[in-house]
Amino acid sequence: MGISFDTNFLIDLLRGDEDALSKAREIDELGETKYLSTPVLYEIQTGLFRKRSRSEVEAFRALASRYLILSFDEEAAYKAGELRAELLRLGRPKSHVDVMVAGIALARGLKLVSRDEDVVSLGKTFGFLVERY
């Protein structure tokens, strides 16, 4: 099994958040394959370009280069669509990016690292592992 990371984890790593840094060390010791998904890249890049911070863009690109990149492909789109439809039926819509990230994790059988309560609830509802930090 590999590990994928949610947007909040990467932002916290860039900011030097002690909990995120501790979780990153723990994951490094496990030696599992680490992934970033394209929706996470999109979400972070949007925020950084909006701020117009070249130094933060460069820092993020350096961080992102340490991970394998997973695209939001056909299989992930089917999983995400299934999740979103069920959430809408339950009256519990979540952000498109969160659902896409969850769809990729489900399609690939990955753990997802996050402390976003929406993502944690997606994991509980749909049966995939979300590790908090």
C-alpha atoms as a PDB file:
ATOM      1  CA  MET A   1       0.000   0.000   0.000  1.00  0.00           C
ATOM      2  CA  GLY A   2       1.172   3.540  -0.676  1.00  0.00           C
ATOM      3  CA  ILE A   3       0.356   6.871   0.898  1.00  0.00           C
ATOM      4  CA  SER A   4      -1.208   9.925  -0.713  1.00  0.00           C
ATOM      5  CA  PHE A   5      -1.322  13.390   0.810  1.00  0.00           C
ATOM      6  CA  ASP A   6      -4.119  15.902   1.101  1.00  0.00           C
ATOM      7  CA  THR A   7      -3.592  19.589   0.446  1.00  0.00           C
ATOM      8  CA  ASN A   8      -3.572  20.601   4.104  1.00  0.00           C
ATOM      9  CA  PHE A   9      -0.690  18.247   4.910  1.00  0.00           C
ATOM     10  CA  LEU A  10       1.547  19.722   2.216  1.00  0.00           C
ATOM     11  CA  ILE A  11       0.712  23.285   3.190  1.00  0.00           C
ATOM     12  CA  ASP A  12       1.482  22.449   6.800  1.00  0.00           C
ATOM     13  CA  LEU A  13       4.801  20.861   5.772  1.00  0.00           C
ATOM     14  CA  LEU A  14       5.760  24.003   3.873  1.00  0.00           C
ATOM     15  CA  ARG A  15       4.874  26.110   6.906  1.00  0.00           C
ATOM     16  CA  GLY A  16       6.964  23.924   9.215  1.00  0.00           C
ATOM     17  CA  ASP A  17       4.008  22.661  11.264  1.00  0.00           C
ATOM     18  CA  GLU A  18       5.468  20.343  13.899  1.00  0.00           C
ATOM     19  CA  ASP A  19       2.672  17.739  13.626  1.00  0.00           C
ATOM     20  CA  ALA A  20       3.082  17.547   9.835  1.00  0.00           C
ATOM     21  CA  LEU A  21       6.888  17.331  10.116  1.00  0.00           C
ATOM     22  CA  SER A  22       6.567  14.540  12.681  1.00  0.00           C
ATOM     23  CA  LYS A  23       4.123  12.613  10.452  1.00  0.00           C
ATOM     24  CA  ALA A  24       6.465  13.069   7.460  1.00  0.00           C
ATOM     25  CA  ARG A  25       9.371  11.580   9.450  1.00  0.00           C
ATOM     26  CA  GLU A  26       7.175   8.677  10.550  1.00  0.00           C
ATOM     27  CA  ILE A  27       6.135   7.986   6.952  1.00  0.00           C
ATOM     28  CA  ASP A  28       9.734   8.209   5.718  1.00  0.00           C
ATOM     29  CA  GLU A  29      10.727   5.558   8.264  1.00  0.00           C
ATOM     30  CA  LEU A  30       8.010   3.214   6.974  1.00  0.00           C
ATOM     31  CA  GLY A  31       9.487   3.323   3.486  1.00  0.00           C
ATOM     32  CA  GLU A  32       6.107   3.299   1.751  1.00  0.00           C
ATOM     33  CA  THR A  33       5.695   4.814  -1.691  1.00  0.00           C
ATOM     34  CA  LYS A  34       4.490   8.415  -1.453  1.00  0.00           C
ATOM     35  CA  TYR A  35       2.117  10.041  -3.925  1.00  0.00           C
ATOM     36  CA  LEU A  36       0.580  13.404  -4.730  1.00  0.00           C
ATOM     37  CA  SER A  37      -2.556  13.654  -6.802  1.00  0.00           C
ATOM     38  CA  THR A  38      -3.127  16.176  -9.552  1.00  0.00           C
ATOM     39  CA  PRO A  39      -6.147  17.737  -7.764  1.00  0.00           C
ATOM     40  CA  VAL A  40      -3.873  18.494  -4.777  1.00  0.00           C
ATOM     41  CA  LEU A  41      -1.275  20.022  -7.095  1.00  0.00           C
ATOM     42  CA  TYR A  42      -3.999  22.122  -8.695  1.00  0.00           C
ATOM     43  CA  GLU A  43      -5.390  23.317  -5.374  1.00  0.00           C
ATOM     44  CA  ILE A  44      -2.017  24.311  -3.934  1.00  0.00           C
ATOM     45  CA  GLN A  45      -0.777  25.950  -7.138  1.00  0.00           C
ATOM     46  CA  THR A  46      -3.972  28.006  -7.319  1.00  0.00           C
ATOM     47  CA  GLY A  47      -3.377  29.393  -3.843  1.00  0.00           C
ATOM     48  CA  LEU A  48       0.288  30.087  -4.437  1.00  0.00           C
ATOM     49  CA  PHE A  49      -0.225  31.803  -7.771  1.00  0.00           C
ATOM     50  CA  ARG A  50      -3.017  33.860  -6.250  1.00  0.00           C
ATOM     51  CA  LYS A  51      -0.590  35.050  -3.570  1.00  0.00           C
ATOM     52  CA  ARG A  52       2.024  35.688  -6.288  1.00  0.00           C
ATOM     53  CA  SER A  53       4.757  34.275  -4.093  1.00  0.00           C
ATOM     54  CA  ARG A  54       7.545  32.986  -6.324  1.00  0.00           C
ATOM     55  CA  SER A  55       9.530  31.688  -3.362  1.00  0.00           C
ATOM     56  CA  GLU A  56       6.579  29.623  -2.112  1.00  0.00           C
ATOM     57  CA  VAL A  57       5.909  28.301  -5.626  1.00  0.00           C
ATOM     58  CA  GLU A  58       9.542  27.191  -5.859  1.00  0.00           C
ATOM     59  CA  ALA A  59       9.454  25.659  -2.358  1.00  0.00           C
ATOM     60  CA  PHE A  60       6.303  23.733  -3.231  1.00  0.00           C
ATOM     61  CA  ARG A  61       7.728  22.488  -6.530  1.00  0.00           C
ATOM     62  CA  ALA A  62      10.822  21.252  -4.694  1.00  0.00           C
ATOM     63  CA  LEU A  63       8.601  19.444  -2.179  1.00  0.00           C
ATOM     64  CA  ALA A  64       6.319  18.003  -4.882  1.00  0.00           C
ATOM     65  CA  SER A  65       9.322  16.619  -6.782  1.00  0.00           C
ATOM     66  CA  ARG A  66       9.861  14.143  -3.917  1.00  0.00           C
ATOM     67  CA  TYR A  67       6.586  12.335  -4.668  1.00  0.00           C
ATOM     68  CA  LEU A  68       5.154  10.296  -7.512  1.00  0.00           C
ATOM     69  CA  ILE A  69       2.267  12.089  -9.202  1.00  0.00           C
ATOM     70  CA  LEU A  70      -1.108  10.402  -9.692  1.00  0.00           C
ATOM     71  CA  SER A  71      -3.476  11.749 -12.316  1.00  0.00           C
ATOM     72  CA  PHE A  72      -7.202  12.022 -11.960  1.00  0.00           C
ATOM     73  CA  ASP A  73      -7.743   9.329 -14.566  1.00  0.00           C
ATOM     74  CA  GLU A  74     -10.762   7.387 -15.771  1.00  0.00           C
ATOM     75  CA  GLU A  75     -10.816   4.913 -12.869  1.00  0.00           C
ATOM     76  CA  ALA A  76     -10.496   7.718 -10.313  1.00  0.00           C
ATOM     77  CA  ALA A  77     -13.246   9.665 -12.095  1.00  0.00           C
ATOM     78  CA  TYR A  78     -15.620   6.702 -11.795  1.00  0.00           C
ATOM     79  CA  LYS A  79     -14.840   6.314  -8.076  1.00  0.00           C
ATOM     80  CA  ALA A  80     -15.166  10.046  -7.431  1.00  0.00           C
ATOM     81  CA  GLY A  81     -18.444  10.183  -9.351  1.00  0.00           C
ATOM     82  CA  GLU A  82     -19.793   7.307  -7.286  1.00  0.00           C
ATOM     83  CA  LEU A  83     -18.729   9.055  -4.062  1.00  0.00           C
ATOM     84  CA  ARG A  84     -20.185  12.421  -5.078  1.00  0.00           C
ATOM     85  CA  ALA A  85     -23.518  10.872  -6.111  1.00  0.00           C
ATOM     86  CA  GLU A  86     -23.827   9.090  -2.770  1.00  0.00           C
ATOM     87  CA  LEU A  87     -22.890  12.250  -0.859  1.00  0.00           C
ATOM     88  CA  LEU A  88     -25.553  14.190  -2.737  1.00  0.00           C
ATOM     89  CA  ARG A  89     -28.120  11.465  -1.987  1.00  0.00           C
ATOM     90  CA  LEU A  90     -27.157  11.728   1.691  1.00  0.00           C
ATOM     91  CA  GLY A  91     -27.430  15.516   1.597  1.00  0.00           C
ATOM     92  CA  ARG A  92     -23.728  15.848   2.529  1.00  0.00           C
ATOM     93  CA  PRO A  93     -21.963  17.418  -0.463  1.00  0.00           C
ATOM     94  CA  LYS A  94     -18.194  17.958  -0.182  1.00  0.00           C
ATOM     95  CA  SER A  95     -15.804  20.005  -2.299  1.00  0.00           C
ATOM     96  CA  HIS A  96     -15.015  18.647  -5.742  1.00  0.00           C
ATOM     97  CA  VAL A  97     -11.292  18.564  -4.966  1.00  0.00           C
ATOM     98  CA  ASP A  98     -11.823  16.525  -1.775  1.00  0.00           C
ATOM     99  CA  VAL A  99     -13.985  14.047  -3.663  1.00  0.00           C
ATOM    100  CA  MET A 100     -11.444  13.793  -6.502  1.00  0.00           C
ATOM    101  CA  VAL A 101      -8.589  13.200  -4.036  1.00  0.00           C
ATOM    102  CA  ALA A 102     -10.676  10.523  -2.308  1.00  0.00           C
ATOM    103  CA  GLY A 103     -11.534   8.948  -5.671  1.00  0.00           C
ATOM    104  CA  ILE A 104      -7.850   8.637  -6.538  1.00  0.00           C
ATOM    105  CA  ALA A 105      -7.034   7.121  -3.135  1.00  0.00           C
ATOM    106  CA  LEU A 106      -9.865   4.598  -3.484  1.00  0.00           C
ATOM    107  CA  ALA A 107      -9.008   3.701  -7.073  1.00  0.00           C
ATOM    108  CA  ARG A 108      -5.376   3.048  -6.114  1.00  0.00           C
ATOM    109  CA  GLY A 109      -5.936   1.498  -2.680  1.00  0.00           C
ATOM    110  CA  LEU A 110      -3.913   4.221  -0.944  1.00  0.00           C
ATOM    111  CA  LYS A 111      -3.944   5.614   2.570  1.00  0.00           C
ATOM    112  CA  LEU A 112      -4.602   9.340   2.632  1.00  0.00           C
ATOM    113  CA  VAL A 113      -2.897  11.687   5.106  1.00  0.00           C
ATOM    114  CA  SER A 114      -5.085  14.599   6.183  1.00  0.00           C
ATOM    115  CA  ARG A 115      -6.540  16.437   9.130  1.00  0.00           C
ATOM    116  CA  ASP A 116      -9.367  17.955   7.109  1.00  0.00           C
ATOM    117  CA  GLU A 117     -12.568  16.779   8.797  1.00  0.00           C
ATOM    118  CA  ASP A 118     -14.374  16.557   5.436  1.00  0.00           C
ATOM    119  CA  VAL A 119     -11.724  14.144   4.154  1.00  0.00           C
ATOM    120  CA  VAL A 120     -11.752  12.152   7.398  1.00  0.00           C
ATOM    121  CA  SER A 121     -15.545  11.796   7.130  1.00  0.00           C
ATOM    122  CA  LEU A 122     -15.197  10.645   3.504  1.00  0.00           C
ATOM    123  CA  GLY A 123     -12.846   7.903   4.675  1.00  0.00           C
ATOM    124  CA  LYS A 124     -15.284   6.772   7.367  1.00  0.00           C
ATOM    125  CA  THR A 125     -18.270   6.870   5.017  1.00  0.00           C
ATOM    126  CA  PHE A 126     -16.616   5.059   2.109  1.00  0.00           C
ATOM    127  CA  GLY A 127     -14.182   2.765   3.861  1.00  0.00           C
ATOM    128  CA  PHE A 128     -10.731   4.008   2.998  1.00  0.00           C
ATOM    129  CA  LEU A 129      -7.983   4.767   5.464  1.00  0.00           C
ATOM    130  CA  VAL A 130      -7.302   8.381   6.400  1.00  0.00           C
ATOM    131  CA  GLU A 131      -4.336   8.914   8.697  1.00  0.00           C
ATOM    132  CA  ARG A 132      -4.524  12.043  10.826  1.00  0.00           C
ATOM    133  CA  TYR A 133      -1.469  13.972  11.890  1.00  0.00           C
END
